[in-house]
Amino acid sequence: MKKIVAWKSLPEDVLAYLQQHVEVVPVDPARHDAFVAALREADGGIGASVKITPAMLEGATRLKALSTISVGFDQFDVADLTRRGIVLAHTPDVLTESTADTVFSLILASARRVVELAAWVKAGQWQHSIGPALFGVDVQGKTVGIVGLGRIGGAVARRAALGFNMQVLYTNRSANPEAEAAYGARRVELAELLATADFVCLQVPLTEETRHMIGAKELASMKKSAILINASRGAIVDENALIDALRNGTIHGAGLDVFEKEPLPADSPLLQMANVVALPHIGSATHETRHAMARNAAENLVAALAGTLTTNIVNREVLQR
């Protein structure tokens, strides 16, 4: 029986499923040396939220597949895995709707100052009808600009167009004719999107090309009334530039589920800003979705080790070797 390393706790039924097919060796990723030693003896691995470096895989000659319980794969050196002939699988479909819900919750919470005003009420400050100083801004009928119209971006576009009568602008490496037909989405260059959108939603993976793609120049090109929404990866945005833009009124506010350093440091200026909604990277964090992700990742791993996996493969070129 093949052996796999699990560096994240799994639901009981998912663990039982894996144990029907492979020997499962649980490891604590905080015990680095033991983790690396386990990888050297394994045929596969499953987990999330831990960086797997090339150095950790030296001597892991049996390793044929890794399965991440996430859609993002920036914790892995994909080129190195490909060179070693290791399949990397991820879970891009099962978290689409819950993550899009999170994106839209950030849009609504930021626009209507939900977090700020809920705290204000709980603090006993609601003594009379609120005035303009506490008003928010409308969402319905506004323009949303989606940077990256993939699965999640498309689900956000559906909510925006059909649920809130919003105009949808998008940038993407290729056109999305389905979204254009169904939601009236219009593909534009990033510069036009930033200058036009009332809400700028970032939905791109973190790569060397997208790292800090939103910096001081891009923030300055946005409308002063615009709100930046980031539920993709923190490093897509230059966080220091964002802090300056929020302090200076360059943009109206931000709704953030991801940050350059996570957990967000307690001394981050973002935590002191009333015009920032900050969440602890909850994009897919529902009971239903996290369970579906774990099951999908387990099925991906079993199929990859059997040589039958055809979907959810990050480095498909491995199959062509």
C-alpha atoms as a PDB file:
ATOM      1  CA  MET A   1       0.000   0.000   0.000  1.00  0.00           C
ATOM      2  CA  LYS A   2       1.268   3.458  -0.909  1.00  0.00           C
ATOM      3  CA  LYS A   3       2.080   5.901   1.877  1.00  0.00           C
ATOM      4  CA  ILE A   4       1.026   9.551   2.122  1.00  0.00           C
ATOM      5  CA  VAL A   5       1.827  12.365   4.521  1.00  0.00           C
ATOM      6  CA  ALA A   6      -1.044  14.490   5.858  1.00  0.00           C
ATOM      7  CA  TRP A   7       0.128  17.820   7.256  1.00  0.00           C
ATOM      8  CA  LYS A   8      -3.357  19.116   8.034  1.00  0.00           C
ATOM      9  CA  SER A   9      -6.094  17.489  10.107  1.00  0.00           C
ATOM     10  CA  LEU A  10      -8.817  15.962   7.979  1.00  0.00           C
ATOM     11  CA  PRO A  11     -12.526  15.270   8.594  1.00  0.00           C
ATOM     12  CA  GLU A  12     -13.083  11.752   9.868  1.00  0.00           C
ATOM     13  CA  ASP A  13     -14.893  10.563   6.757  1.00  0.00           C
ATOM     14  CA  VAL A  14     -12.209  12.005   4.479  1.00  0.00           C
ATOM     15  CA  LEU A  15      -9.491  10.317   6.530  1.00  0.00           C
ATOM     16  CA  ALA A  16     -11.419   7.039   6.351  1.00  0.00           C
ATOM     17  CA  TYR A  17     -11.678   7.392   2.577  1.00  0.00           C
ATOM     18  CA  LEU A  18      -7.925   7.886   2.268  1.00  0.00           C
ATOM     19  CA  GLN A  19      -7.203   4.940   4.551  1.00  0.00           C
ATOM     20  CA  GLN A  20      -9.134   2.699   2.183  1.00  0.00           C
ATOM     21  CA  HIS A  21      -6.544   3.454  -0.494  1.00  0.00           C
ATOM     22  CA  VAL A  22      -3.284   4.447   1.191  1.00  0.00           C
ATOM     23  CA  GLU A  23      -1.402   4.415   4.467  1.00  0.00           C
ATOM     24  CA  VAL A  24      -1.832   7.845   6.063  1.00  0.00           C
ATOM     25  CA  VAL A  25       0.993   9.295   8.161  1.00  0.00           C
ATOM     26  CA  PRO A  26      -0.115  12.429  10.071  1.00  0.00           C
ATOM     27  CA  VAL A  27       2.654  14.952  10.692  1.00  0.00           C
ATOM     28  CA  ASP A  28       2.951  18.262  12.494  1.00  0.00           C
ATOM     29  CA  PRO A  29       4.425  20.731   9.990  1.00  0.00           C
ATOM     30  CA  ALA A  30       5.818  22.760  12.901  1.00  0.00           C
ATOM     31  CA  ARG A  31       8.224  19.854  13.550  1.00  0.00           C
ATOM     32  CA  HIS A  32      10.183  20.657  10.424  1.00  0.00           C
ATOM     33  CA  ASP A  33      12.775  17.893  10.509  1.00  0.00           C
ATOM     34  CA  ALA A  34      10.179  15.188  11.170  1.00  0.00           C
ATOM     35  CA  PHE A  35       8.015  16.605   8.384  1.00  0.00           C
ATOM     36  CA  VAL A  36      10.893  16.503   5.893  1.00  0.00           C
ATOM     37  CA  ALA A  37      11.812  12.985   6.970  1.00  0.00           C
ATOM     38  CA  ALA A  38       8.225  11.845   6.442  1.00  0.00           C
ATOM     39  CA  LEU A  39       8.156  13.337   2.950  1.00  0.00           C
ATOM     40  CA  ARG A  40      11.256  11.325   2.043  1.00  0.00           C
ATOM     41  CA  GLU A  41       9.390   8.107   2.839  1.00  0.00           C
ATOM     42  CA  ALA A  42       6.101   9.043   1.176  1.00  0.00           C
ATOM     43  CA  ASP A  43       4.499   8.510  -2.211  1.00  0.00           C
ATOM     44  CA  GLY A  44       2.200  11.507  -1.786  1.00  0.00           C
ATOM     45  CA  GLY A  45       1.070  14.271   0.508  1.00  0.00           C
ATOM     46  CA  ILE A  46      -2.012  16.316   1.374  1.00  0.00           C
ATOM     47  CA  GLY A  47      -2.401  19.530   3.340  1.00  0.00           C
ATOM     48  CA  ALA A  48      -2.691  23.299   3.197  1.00  0.00           C
ATOM     49  CA  SER A  49      -1.222  26.585   4.422  1.00  0.00           C
ATOM     50  CA  VAL A  50       2.377  25.356   4.678  1.00  0.00           C
ATOM     51  CA  LYS A  51       5.167  26.389   2.341  1.00  0.00           C
ATOM     52  CA  ILE A  52       6.806  23.378   0.688  1.00  0.00           C
ATOM     53  CA  THR A  53      10.259  24.385  -0.541  1.00  0.00           C
ATOM     54  CA  PRO A  54      12.564  22.533  -2.959  1.00  0.00           C
ATOM     55  CA  ALA A  55      14.979  21.877  -0.087  1.00  0.00           C
ATOM     56  CA  MET A  56      12.267  19.980   1.773  1.00  0.00           C
ATOM     57  CA  LEU A  57      11.900  17.599  -1.141  1.00  0.00           C
ATOM     58  CA  GLU A  58      15.561  16.666  -1.536  1.00  0.00           C
ATOM     59  CA  GLY A  59      15.789  12.915  -1.218  1.00  0.00           C
ATOM     60  CA  ALA A  60      12.021  12.428  -1.568  1.00  0.00           C
ATOM     61  CA  THR A  61      12.500  10.180  -4.586  1.00  0.00           C
ATOM     62  CA  ARG A  62       9.287   8.215  -3.982  1.00  0.00           C
ATOM     63  CA  LEU A  63       7.106  11.310  -4.010  1.00  0.00           C
ATOM     64  CA  LYS A  64       4.780  11.365  -7.020  1.00  0.00           C
ATOM     65  CA  ALA A  65       1.892  13.648  -6.044  1.00  0.00           C
ATOM     66  CA  LEU A  66       0.986  16.499  -3.697  1.00  0.00           C
ATOM     67  CA  SER A  67      -2.577  17.681  -3.161  1.00  0.00           C
ATOM     68  CA  THR A  68      -3.312  21.073  -1.649  1.00  0.00           C
ATOM     69  CA  ILE A  69      -6.625  21.747   0.077  1.00  0.00           C
ATOM     70  CA  SER A  70      -6.951  25.117  -1.615  1.00  0.00           C
ATOM     71  CA  VAL A  71      -7.346  26.737  -4.978  1.00  0.00           C
ATOM     72  CA  GLY A  72      -4.161  28.784  -4.535  1.00  0.00           C
ATOM     73  CA  PHE A  73      -0.805  27.079  -4.971  1.00  0.00           C
ATOM     74  CA  ASP A  74       1.708  29.819  -4.197  1.00  0.00           C
ATOM     75  CA  GLN A  75       2.984  27.717  -1.270  1.00  0.00           C
ATOM     76  CA  PHE A  76       4.704  25.464  -3.816  1.00  0.00           C
ATOM     77  CA  ASP A  77       7.531  25.902  -6.300  1.00  0.00           C
ATOM     78  CA  VAL A  78       5.583  24.572  -9.276  1.00  0.00           C
ATOM     79  CA  ALA A  79       8.566  24.575 -11.621  1.00  0.00           C
ATOM     80  CA  ASP A  80      10.574  22.516  -9.139  1.00  0.00           C
ATOM     81  CA  LEU A  81       7.744  20.022  -8.684  1.00  0.00           C
ATOM     82  CA  THR A  82       7.454  19.680 -12.446  1.00  0.00           C
ATOM     83  CA  ARG A  83      11.187  19.090 -12.768  1.00  0.00           C
ATOM     84  CA  ARG A  84      10.921  16.324 -10.185  1.00  0.00           C
ATOM     85  CA  GLY A  85       7.922  14.760 -11.931  1.00  0.00           C
ATOM     86  CA  ILE A  86       5.603  15.445  -8.989  1.00  0.00           C
ATOM     87  CA  VAL A  87       1.957  16.147  -9.816  1.00  0.00           C
ATOM     88  CA  LEU A  88       0.437  19.083  -7.923  1.00  0.00           C
ATOM     89  CA  ALA A  89      -3.354  19.040  -7.565  1.00  0.00           C
ATOM     90  CA  HIS A  90      -5.657  21.730  -6.145  1.00  0.00           C
ATOM     91  CA  THR A  91      -9.384  22.328  -5.516  1.00  0.00           C
ATOM     92  CA  PRO A  92     -10.508  25.143  -7.823  1.00  0.00           C
ATOM     93  CA  ASP A  93     -14.226  24.421  -8.186  1.00  0.00           C
ATOM     94  CA  VAL A  94     -15.718  23.546  -4.808  1.00  0.00           C
ATOM     95  CA  LEU A  95     -14.918  26.869  -3.136  1.00  0.00           C
ATOM     96  CA  THR A  96     -16.106  29.192  -5.904  1.00  0.00           C
ATOM     97  CA  GLU A  97     -19.499  30.146  -4.500  1.00  0.00           C
ATOM     98  CA  SER A  98     -18.502  30.532  -0.844  1.00  0.00           C
ATOM     99  CA  THR A  99     -15.516  32.695  -1.803  1.00  0.00           C
ATOM    100  CA  ALA A 100     -17.685  34.843  -4.058  1.00  0.00           C
ATOM    101  CA  ASP A 101     -20.066  35.261  -1.111  1.00  0.00           C
ATOM    102  CA  THR A 102     -17.124  36.523   0.943  1.00  0.00           C
ATOM    103  CA  VAL A 103     -16.149  38.982  -1.782  1.00  0.00           C
ATOM    104  CA  PHE A 104     -19.647  40.357  -1.927  1.00  0.00           C
ATOM    105  CA  SER A 105     -19.894  40.561   1.849  1.00  0.00           C
ATOM    106  CA  LEU A 106     -16.798  42.765   1.749  1.00  0.00           C
ATOM    107  CA  ILE A 107     -18.400  44.966  -0.902  1.00  0.00           C
ATOM    108  CA  LEU A 108     -21.566  45.417   1.160  1.00  0.00           C
ATOM    109  CA  ALA A 109     -19.824  45.768   4.508  1.00  0.00           C
ATOM    110  CA  SER A 110     -17.371  48.352   3.159  1.00  0.00           C
ATOM    111  CA  ALA A 111     -19.987  50.376   1.334  1.00  0.00           C
ATOM    112  CA  ARG A 112     -22.534  50.423   4.157  1.00  0.00           C
ATOM    113  CA  ARG A 113     -19.961  50.625   6.991  1.00  0.00           C
ATOM    114  CA  VAL A 114     -21.470  47.512   8.562  1.00  0.00           C
ATOM    115  CA  VAL A 115     -18.567  46.543  10.833  1.00  0.00           C
ATOM    116  CA  GLU A 116     -17.891  50.096  11.982  1.00  0.00           C
ATOM    117  CA  LEU A 117     -21.535  50.886  12.761  1.00  0.00           C
ATOM    118  CA  ALA A 118     -22.217  47.528  14.425  1.00  0.00           C
ATOM    119  CA  ALA A 119     -19.364  48.257  16.841  1.00  0.00           C
ATOM    120  CA  TRP A 120     -20.729  51.785  17.335  1.00  0.00           C
ATOM    121  CA  VAL A 121     -24.135  50.391  18.329  1.00  0.00           C
ATOM    122  CA  LYS A 122     -22.643  47.797  20.685  1.00  0.00           C
ATOM    123  CA  ALA A 123     -20.599  50.538  22.324  1.00  0.00           C
ATOM    124  CA  GLY A 124     -23.848  52.270  23.305  1.00  0.00           C
ATOM    125  CA  GLN A 125     -23.368  55.263  21.018  1.00  0.00           C
ATOM    126  CA  TRP A 126     -26.727  54.961  19.237  1.00  0.00           C
ATOM    127  CA  GLN A 127     -28.574  57.721  21.112  1.00  0.00           C
ATOM    128  CA  HIS A 128     -30.427  59.325  18.205  1.00  0.00           C
ATOM    129  CA  SER A 129     -31.008  58.971  14.479  1.00  0.00           C
ATOM    130  CA  ILE A 130     -27.771  58.910  12.531  1.00  0.00           C
ATOM    131  CA  GLY A 131     -26.774  61.818  10.332  1.00  0.00           C
ATOM    132  CA  PRO A 132     -24.716  62.190   7.149  1.00  0.00           C
ATOM    133  CA  ALA A 133     -21.449  61.655   9.032  1.00  0.00           C
ATOM    134  CA  LEU A 134     -22.373  57.977   9.387  1.00  0.00           C
ATOM    135  CA  PHE A 135     -23.976  57.423   5.986  1.00  0.00           C
ATOM    136  CA  GLY A 136     -22.609  54.794   3.629  1.00  0.00           C
ATOM    137  CA  VAL A 137     -22.765  54.550  -0.161  1.00  0.00           C
ATOM    138  CA  ASP A 138     -25.023  52.565  -2.459  1.00  0.00           C
ATOM    139  CA  VAL A 139     -23.957  49.309  -4.063  1.00  0.00           C
ATOM    140  CA  GLN A 140     -26.851  48.716  -6.443  1.00  0.00           C
ATOM    141  CA  GLY A 141     -26.413  50.325  -9.846  1.00  0.00           C
ATOM    142  CA  LYS A 142     -22.701  51.028  -9.352  1.00  0.00           C
ATOM    143  CA  THR A 143     -19.783  49.776 -11.450  1.00  0.00           C
ATOM    144  CA  VAL A 144     -17.674  46.836 -10.292  1.00  0.00           C
ATOM    145  CA  GLY A 145     -14.276  46.198 -11.856  1.00  0.00           C
ATOM    146  CA  ILE A 146     -13.078  42.613 -11.540  1.00  0.00           C
ATOM    147  CA  VAL A 147      -9.382  41.970 -12.064  1.00  0.00           C
ATOM    148  CA  GLY A 148      -9.294  38.312 -13.089  1.00  0.00           C
ATOM    149  CA  LEU A 149     -12.582  36.903 -14.381  1.00  0.00           C
ATOM    150  CA  GLY A 150     -12.046  33.232 -13.684  1.00  0.00           C
ATOM    151  CA  ARG A 151     -14.368  30.987 -11.687  1.00  0.00           C
ATOM    152  CA  ILE A 152     -14.607  33.193  -8.605  1.00  0.00           C
ATOM    153  CA  GLY A 153     -14.544  36.435 -10.569  1.00  0.00           C
ATOM    154  CA  GLY A 154     -17.359  35.120 -12.732  1.00  0.00           C
ATOM    155  CA  ALA A 155     -19.416  34.222  -9.654  1.00  0.00           C
ATOM    156  CA  VAL A 156     -18.870  37.751  -8.318  1.00  0.00           C
ATOM    157  CA  ALA A 157     -19.960  39.167 -11.685  1.00  0.00           C
ATOM    158  CA  ARG A 158     -23.169  37.096 -11.527  1.00  0.00           C
ATOM    159  CA  ARG A 159     -24.014  38.444  -8.087  1.00  0.00           C
ATOM    160  CA  ALA A 160     -23.203  42.000  -9.125  1.00  0.00           C
ATOM    161  CA  ALA A 161     -25.096  42.072 -12.419  1.00  0.00           C
ATOM    162  CA  LEU A 162     -28.113  39.934 -11.637  1.00  0.00           C
ATOM    163  CA  GLY A 163     -28.469  40.691  -7.945  1.00  0.00           C
ATOM    164  CA  PHE A 164     -27.470  44.354  -7.729  1.00  0.00           C
ATOM    165  CA  ASN A 165     -27.923  45.678 -11.266  1.00  0.00           C
ATOM    166  CA  MET A 166     -24.243  46.657 -11.409  1.00  0.00           C
ATOM    167  CA  GLN A 167     -22.211  47.343 -14.508  1.00  0.00           C
ATOM    168  CA  VAL A 168     -19.360  44.842 -14.764  1.00  0.00           C
ATOM    169  CA  LEU A 169     -15.925  45.698 -16.129  1.00  0.00           C
ATOM    170  CA  TYR A 170     -13.150  43.110 -16.162  1.00  0.00           C
ATOM    171  CA  THR A 171      -9.557  42.506 -17.100  1.00  0.00           C
ATOM    172  CA  ASN A 172      -8.379  39.023 -17.951  1.00  0.00           C
ATOM    173  CA  ARG A 173      -5.695  37.327 -20.028  1.00  0.00           C
ATOM    174  CA  SER A 174      -8.436  36.175 -22.372  1.00  0.00           C
ATOM    175  CA  ALA A 175     -11.989  37.235 -23.108  1.00  0.00           C
ATOM    176  CA  ASN A 176     -14.872  35.676 -21.191  1.00  0.00           C
ATOM    177  CA  PRO A 177     -17.707  35.564 -23.743  1.00  0.00           C
ATOM    178  CA  GLU A 178     -20.013  33.708 -21.353  1.00  0.00           C
ATOM    179  CA  ALA A 179     -19.826  36.506 -18.774  1.00  0.00           C
ATOM    180  CA  GLU A 180     -20.191  39.120 -21.481  1.00  0.00           C
ATOM    181  CA  ALA A 181     -23.375  37.485 -22.768  1.00  0.00           C
ATOM    182  CA  ALA A 182     -24.910  36.609 -19.394  1.00  0.00           C
ATOM    183  CA  TYR A 183     -23.927  39.621 -17.290  1.00  0.00           C
ATOM    184  CA  GLY A 184     -23.108  42.354 -19.805  1.00  0.00           C
ATOM    185  CA  ALA A 185     -19.488  42.271 -18.655  1.00  0.00           C
ATOM    186  CA  ARG A 186     -17.121  44.433 -20.687  1.00  0.00           C
ATOM    187  CA  ARG A 187     -13.430  43.628 -21.037  1.00  0.00           C
ATOM    188  CA  VAL A 188     -11.154  46.670 -20.640  1.00  0.00           C
ATOM    189  CA  GLU A 189      -7.538  47.439 -19.906  1.00  0.00           C
ATOM    190  CA  LEU A 190      -6.541  47.673 -16.242  1.00  0.00           C
ATOM    191  CA  ALA A 191      -6.059  51.447 -16.475  1.00  0.00           C
ATOM    192  CA  GLU A 192      -9.646  52.001 -17.619  1.00  0.00           C
ATOM    193  CA  LEU A 193     -10.999  49.621 -14.988  1.00  0.00           C
ATOM    194  CA  LEU A 194      -9.167  51.390 -12.172  1.00  0.00           C
ATOM    195  CA  ALA A 195     -10.262  54.833 -13.364  1.00  0.00           C
ATOM    196  CA  THR A 196     -13.914  53.851 -13.804  1.00  0.00           C
ATOM    197  CA  ALA A 197     -14.934  51.281 -11.190  1.00  0.00           C
ATOM    198  CA  ASP A 198     -16.642  52.133  -7.920  1.00  0.00           C
ATOM    199  CA  PHE A 199     -15.500  48.786  -6.505  1.00  0.00           C
ATOM    200  CA  VAL A 200     -12.233  47.194  -7.669  1.00  0.00           C
ATOM    201  CA  CYS A 201     -12.198  43.450  -6.889  1.00  0.00           C
ATOM    202  CA  LEU A 202      -8.937  41.535  -7.167  1.00  0.00           C
ATOM    203  CA  GLN A 203      -9.355  37.887  -8.189  1.00  0.00           C
ATOM    204  CA  VAL A 204      -5.981  36.890  -9.624  1.00  0.00           C
ATOM    205  CA  PRO A 205      -3.525  34.254  -8.396  1.00  0.00           C
ATOM    206  CA  LEU A 206      -0.253  35.363  -6.841  1.00  0.00           C
ATOM    207  CA  THR A 207       2.586  35.080  -9.358  1.00  0.00           C
ATOM    208  CA  GLU A 208       5.711  37.094 -10.027  1.00  0.00           C
ATOM    209  CA  GLU A 209       3.659  39.049 -12.587  1.00  0.00           C
ATOM    210  CA  THR A 210       0.830  39.873 -10.173  1.00  0.00           C
ATOM    211  CA  ARG A 211       2.879  40.560  -7.028  1.00  0.00           C
ATOM    212  CA  HIS A 212       2.259  44.224  -6.059  1.00  0.00           C
ATOM    213  CA  MET A 213       0.297  44.785  -9.261  1.00  0.00           C
ATOM    214  CA  ILE A 214      -1.712  47.332  -7.249  1.00  0.00           C
ATOM    215  CA  GLY A 215       0.698  49.924  -5.911  1.00  0.00           C
ATOM    216  CA  ALA A 216       0.791  53.660  -5.327  1.00  0.00           C
ATOM    217  CA  LYS A 217       0.401  54.510  -9.024  1.00  0.00           C
ATOM    218  CA  GLU A 218      -2.606  52.238  -9.480  1.00  0.00           C
ATOM    219  CA  LEU A 219      -4.290  53.420  -6.280  1.00  0.00           C
ATOM    220  CA  ALA A 220      -3.811  57.035  -7.327  1.00  0.00           C
ATOM    221  CA  SER A 221      -5.550  56.288 -10.625  1.00  0.00           C
ATOM    222  CA  MET A 222      -8.704  55.052  -8.859  1.00  0.00           C
ATOM    223  CA  LYS A 223     -11.675  57.274  -8.078  1.00  0.00           C
ATOM    224  CA  LYS A 224     -11.501  58.963  -4.671  1.00  0.00           C
ATOM    225  CA  SER A 225     -14.888  57.399  -3.970  1.00  0.00           C
ATOM    226  CA  ALA A 226     -13.717  53.885  -4.938  1.00  0.00           C
ATOM    227  CA  ILE A 227     -13.380  50.906  -2.617  1.00  0.00           C
ATOM    228  CA  LEU A 228     -10.700  48.240  -3.097  1.00  0.00           C
ATOM    229  CA  ILE A 229     -11.711  44.633  -2.405  1.00  0.00           C
ATOM    230  CA  ASN A 230      -9.047  41.941  -2.067  1.00  0.00           C
ATOM    231  CA  ALA A 231      -9.946  38.324  -1.328  1.00  0.00           C
ATOM    232  CA  SER A 232      -7.282  36.737  -3.545  1.00  0.00           C
ATOM    233  CA  ARG A 233      -3.768  37.031  -2.093  1.00  0.00           C
ATOM    234  CA  GLY A 234      -2.382  39.793   0.095  1.00  0.00           C
ATOM    235  CA  ALA A 235       0.784  40.384  -1.902  1.00  0.00           C
ATOM    236  CA  ILE A 236      -1.230  41.372  -4.986  1.00  0.00           C
ATOM    237  CA  VAL A 237      -1.377  44.762  -3.250  1.00  0.00           C
ATOM    238  CA  ASP A 238       1.534  46.832  -1.997  1.00  0.00           C
ATOM    239  CA  GLU A 239       0.218  47.090   1.565  1.00  0.00           C
ATOM    240  CA  ASN A 240       2.283  50.135   2.520  1.00  0.00           C
ATOM    241  CA  ALA A 241       0.991  51.986  -0.531  1.00  0.00           C
ATOM    242  CA  LEU A 242      -2.559  50.992   0.371  1.00  0.00           C
ATOM    243  CA  ILE A 243      -2.134  52.279   3.925  1.00  0.00           C
ATOM    244  CA  ASP A 244      -0.923  55.608   2.568  1.00  0.00           C
ATOM    245  CA  ALA A 245      -3.815  55.796   0.098  1.00  0.00           C
ATOM    246  CA  LEU A 246      -6.370  55.127   2.821  1.00  0.00           C
ATOM    247  CA  ARG A 247      -4.795  57.623   5.196  1.00  0.00           C
ATOM    248  CA  ASN A 248      -4.611  60.323   2.531  1.00  0.00           C
ATOM    249  CA  GLY A 249      -8.098  59.831   1.133  1.00  0.00           C
ATOM    250  CA  THR A 250      -6.736  58.704  -2.222  1.00  0.00           C
ATOM    251  CA  ILE A 251      -9.460  56.040  -2.181  1.00  0.00           C
ATOM    252  CA  HIS A 252     -12.583  55.774  -0.040  1.00  0.00           C
ATOM    253  CA  GLY A 253     -11.953  52.449   1.664  1.00  0.00           C
ATOM    254  CA  ALA A 254     -10.939  48.812   1.459  1.00  0.00           C
ATOM    255  CA  GLY A 255     -12.426  45.410   2.196  1.00  0.00           C
ATOM    256  CA  LEU A 256      -9.656  42.894   2.827  1.00  0.00           C
ATOM    257  CA  ASP A 257      -9.689  39.164   3.495  1.00  0.00           C
ATOM    258  CA  VAL A 258      -5.984  38.684   2.742  1.00  0.00           C
ATOM    259  CA  PHE A 259      -2.773  40.448   3.731  1.00  0.00           C
ATOM    260  CA  GLU A 260       0.917  40.412   2.902  1.00  0.00           C
ATOM    261  CA  LYS A 261       1.630  38.880   6.322  1.00  0.00           C
ATOM    262  CA  GLU A 262      -0.918  36.575   7.904  1.00  0.00           C
ATOM    263  CA  PRO A 263      -2.112  36.667  10.619  1.00  0.00           C
ATOM    264  CA  LEU A 264      -2.210  40.444  10.321  1.00  0.00           C
ATOM    265  CA  PRO A 265       0.183  41.930  12.918  1.00  0.00           C
ATOM    266  CA  ALA A 266      -1.561  43.562  15.862  1.00  0.00           C
ATOM    267  CA  ASP A 267       0.262  46.835  15.194  1.00  0.00           C
ATOM    268  CA  SER A 268      -0.864  47.087  11.557  1.00  0.00           C
ATOM    269  CA  PRO A 269      -2.274  50.556  10.800  1.00  0.00           C
ATOM    270  CA  LEU A 270      -5.058  48.836   8.857  1.00  0.00           C
ATOM    271  CA  LEU A 271      -6.606  47.739  12.170  1.00  0.00           C
ATOM    272  CA  GLN A 272      -6.979  51.349  13.289  1.00  0.00           C
ATOM    273  CA  MET A 273      -8.756  52.602  10.165  1.00  0.00           C
ATOM    274  CA  ALA A 274     -12.527  53.000  10.221  1.00  0.00           C
ATOM    275  CA  ASN A 275     -12.627  52.776   6.412  1.00  0.00           C
ATOM    276  CA  VAL A 276     -11.143  49.256   6.382  1.00  0.00           C
ATOM    277  CA  VAL A 277     -13.027  45.990   6.814  1.00  0.00           C
ATOM    278  CA  ALA A 278     -10.467  43.318   7.733  1.00  0.00           C
ATOM    279  CA  LEU A 279     -11.307  39.609   7.823  1.00  0.00           C
ATOM    280  CA  PRO A 280      -9.051  36.671   8.838  1.00  0.00           C
ATOM    281  CA  HIS A 281      -8.774  35.018   5.391  1.00  0.00           C
ATOM    282  CA  ILE A 282     -12.220  33.412   5.538  1.00  0.00           C
ATOM    283  CA  GLY A 283     -12.836  33.214   1.777  1.00  0.00           C
ATOM    284  CA  SER A 284     -13.868  29.559   1.752  1.00  0.00           C
ATOM    285  CA  ALA A 285     -14.305  29.130   5.499  1.00  0.00           C
ATOM    286  CA  THR A 286     -17.691  27.494   5.810  1.00  0.00           C
ATOM    287  CA  HIS A 287     -18.254  24.015   7.229  1.00  0.00           C
ATOM    288  CA  GLU A 288     -19.716  22.801   3.963  1.00  0.00           C
ATOM    289  CA  THR A 289     -17.046  24.197   1.673  1.00  0.00           C
ATOM    290  CA  ARG A 290     -14.023  23.233   3.757  1.00  0.00           C
ATOM    291  CA  HIS A 291     -15.336  19.676   3.986  1.00  0.00           C
ATOM    292  CA  ALA A 292     -15.895  19.566   0.218  1.00  0.00           C
ATOM    293  CA  MET A 293     -12.371  20.907  -0.347  1.00  0.00           C
ATOM    294  CA  ALA A 294     -10.817  18.225   1.876  1.00  0.00           C
ATOM    295  CA  ARG A 295     -12.778  15.479   0.123  1.00  0.00           C
ATOM    296  CA  ASN A 296     -11.872  16.848  -3.312  1.00  0.00           C
ATOM    297  CA  ALA A 297      -8.186  17.076  -2.376  1.00  0.00           C
ATOM    298  CA  ALA A 298      -8.241  13.498  -1.087  1.00  0.00           C
ATOM    299  CA  GLU A 299      -9.864  12.236  -4.270  1.00  0.00           C
ATOM    300  CA  ASN A 300      -7.329  14.209  -6.312  1.00  0.00           C
ATOM    301  CA  LEU A 301      -4.447  12.568  -4.445  1.00  0.00           C
ATOM    302  CA  VAL A 302      -5.765   9.021  -4.732  1.00  0.00           C
ATOM    303  CA  ALA A 303      -6.366   9.471  -8.458  1.00  0.00           C
ATOM    304  CA  ALA A 304      -2.966  11.098  -9.010  1.00  0.00           C
ATOM    305  CA  LEU A 305      -1.174   8.208  -7.322  1.00  0.00           C
ATOM    306  CA  ALA A 306      -3.186   5.779  -9.464  1.00  0.00           C
ATOM    307  CA  GLY A 307      -2.289   7.704 -12.607  1.00  0.00           C
ATOM    308  CA  THR A 308      -5.929   8.458 -13.409  1.00  0.00           C
ATOM    309  CA  LEU A 309      -6.262  12.131 -12.413  1.00  0.00           C
ATOM    310  CA  THR A 310      -7.300  14.284 -15.388  1.00  0.00           C
ATOM    311  CA  THR A 311      -8.669  17.430 -13.701  1.00  0.00           C
ATOM    312  CA  ASN A 312      -7.528  19.906 -11.017  1.00  0.00           C
ATOM    313  CA  ILE A 313      -3.862  19.511 -12.039  1.00  0.00           C
ATOM    314  CA  VAL A 314      -1.701  22.622 -11.633  1.00  0.00           C
ATOM    315  CA  ASN A 315       1.335  21.360 -13.593  1.00  0.00           C
ATOM    316  CA  ARG A 316      -0.296  19.332 -16.353  1.00  0.00           C
ATOM    317  CA  GLU A 317       2.991  19.178 -18.230  1.00  0.00           C
ATOM    318  CA  VAL A 318       4.120  16.480 -15.795  1.00  0.00           C
ATOM    319  CA  LEU A 319       1.704  14.112 -17.525  1.00  0.00           C
ATOM    320  CA  GLN A 320       3.430  14.684 -20.832  1.00  0.00           C
ATOM    321  CA  ARG A 321       6.827  13.505 -19.632  1.00  0.00           C
END
